[in-house]
Amino acid sequence: MAKLSASFEVPLRSFALELALEIEGTVALIGPSGAGKTSALSAIAGLTRPASGRIALDGEVWFDAADGVFRKPEERRVGLVFQEYALFPHMSVRQNVAFAGKSRVDEYLERFRISQLADAKPTELSGGERQRVALARALARDPGVLLLDEPLSALDANTKLTVRGELQELLREFGLPTLLVTHDFEDAASLADTLGVLVDGKLRQLGSAQQMVAQPADSFVASFTGANLMRGHARHRADGLTRVELEAGDIVYSTDDAAGLVDVVVYPWDVTVGRERHPDSAMNVIEGEIRSVVHVGNRARVRIGPVTAEVTEASLGRLDLVPGTRVVASFKATGTRLLPHA
């Protein structure tokens, strides 16, 4: 498989984007708006010239500040899919795809199941159809690298699940070095082998989704992966556990060793909800009223005091979990991570 090597610095308005990546397979950059994600795509595509560094696809150098090399966008084998797809509104589907490369238009129209839409204009297409056209146009260039800017953000929730599955299959099938940027951890974890959390132009952590959930580098990474964060003061005990007094006054325990001001990290799926306290292995118990219930597919997120639990819809109905109900949230000390408070 080809490899894209990118190491560069791009001065931005309030910070400098400093990035170093070796891309084989699919890599996702995730982070908040304004973190520098789209600027990274622009630098690789040749739309922005970095101040320093080097970008190369295998032995094909696209940018080298030291040697004065800077290939224009049209001289780079890049397929770029913009956030809003950027289809030409006055062109048909066929014309949009042919604009990037005419030799395999029919092949890509068939491959992306848009042959029946060949004469339609972009305004006549659904969000999922527009994304297929944009991908077909990007691949019609016969690129060596695929760049995707927020590929699923323009889709509604129902369409997103279907299109995400289709995109996952396509990325595996084409096997191109692919860099996608998104603010959605779930999208990144579904589509990419490696994830990088980018904040203010710097990588906070680079690794698999599983690594980030099991061992987040800091509190920001933990929150971005969907964890509960609760601030408290930690004190190590003689029995090997660490006792943490939360800001709200609750006491929780962790098997992590820490002292001083910490962020307590626990994931919603590790929190159970009941109507009463039960003596079991879950040392950590927080009692309170349900503040909110948010339905996500066949599961629901239930907010109790400072913690959110994820339960099945069946449990939600069986326990009659509705806002205002007083319940008990519990989680194990072994599943409770402690990170220095930033």
Foldseek 3Di string as FASTA:
>chain_A
DKWKWWFFWADDDPFIFTDTDIFFFEEEEAEDPPLCQVVVVCCQLLVDPTPATWIATRPRTQDHNVVPHHHHNVVAQEQEQEQQRPFDQVAFLLVSLCVLPPPCSVVLCVVLVNPVRRGPGPVVDDSLSSLSSSVSSSCNNVGQEYEYEQSQPVHDPVVSVVSLVVLQVVSVVVRHRYYYYHNALVSRLSRGQKYFYGGNNDTQDIGHLVCCCVPNSAPVSLVSNAWQWFKFFWDADPVQKIWTQTPVGFIDIANDDDGGIKIKTAHQAQKDKFADDDDDQFPGKDKAFFADWADDPQWIWTDGVRHIHIGGPVVCVVRVRDGGRIIMITGHNHRIDIHHDD
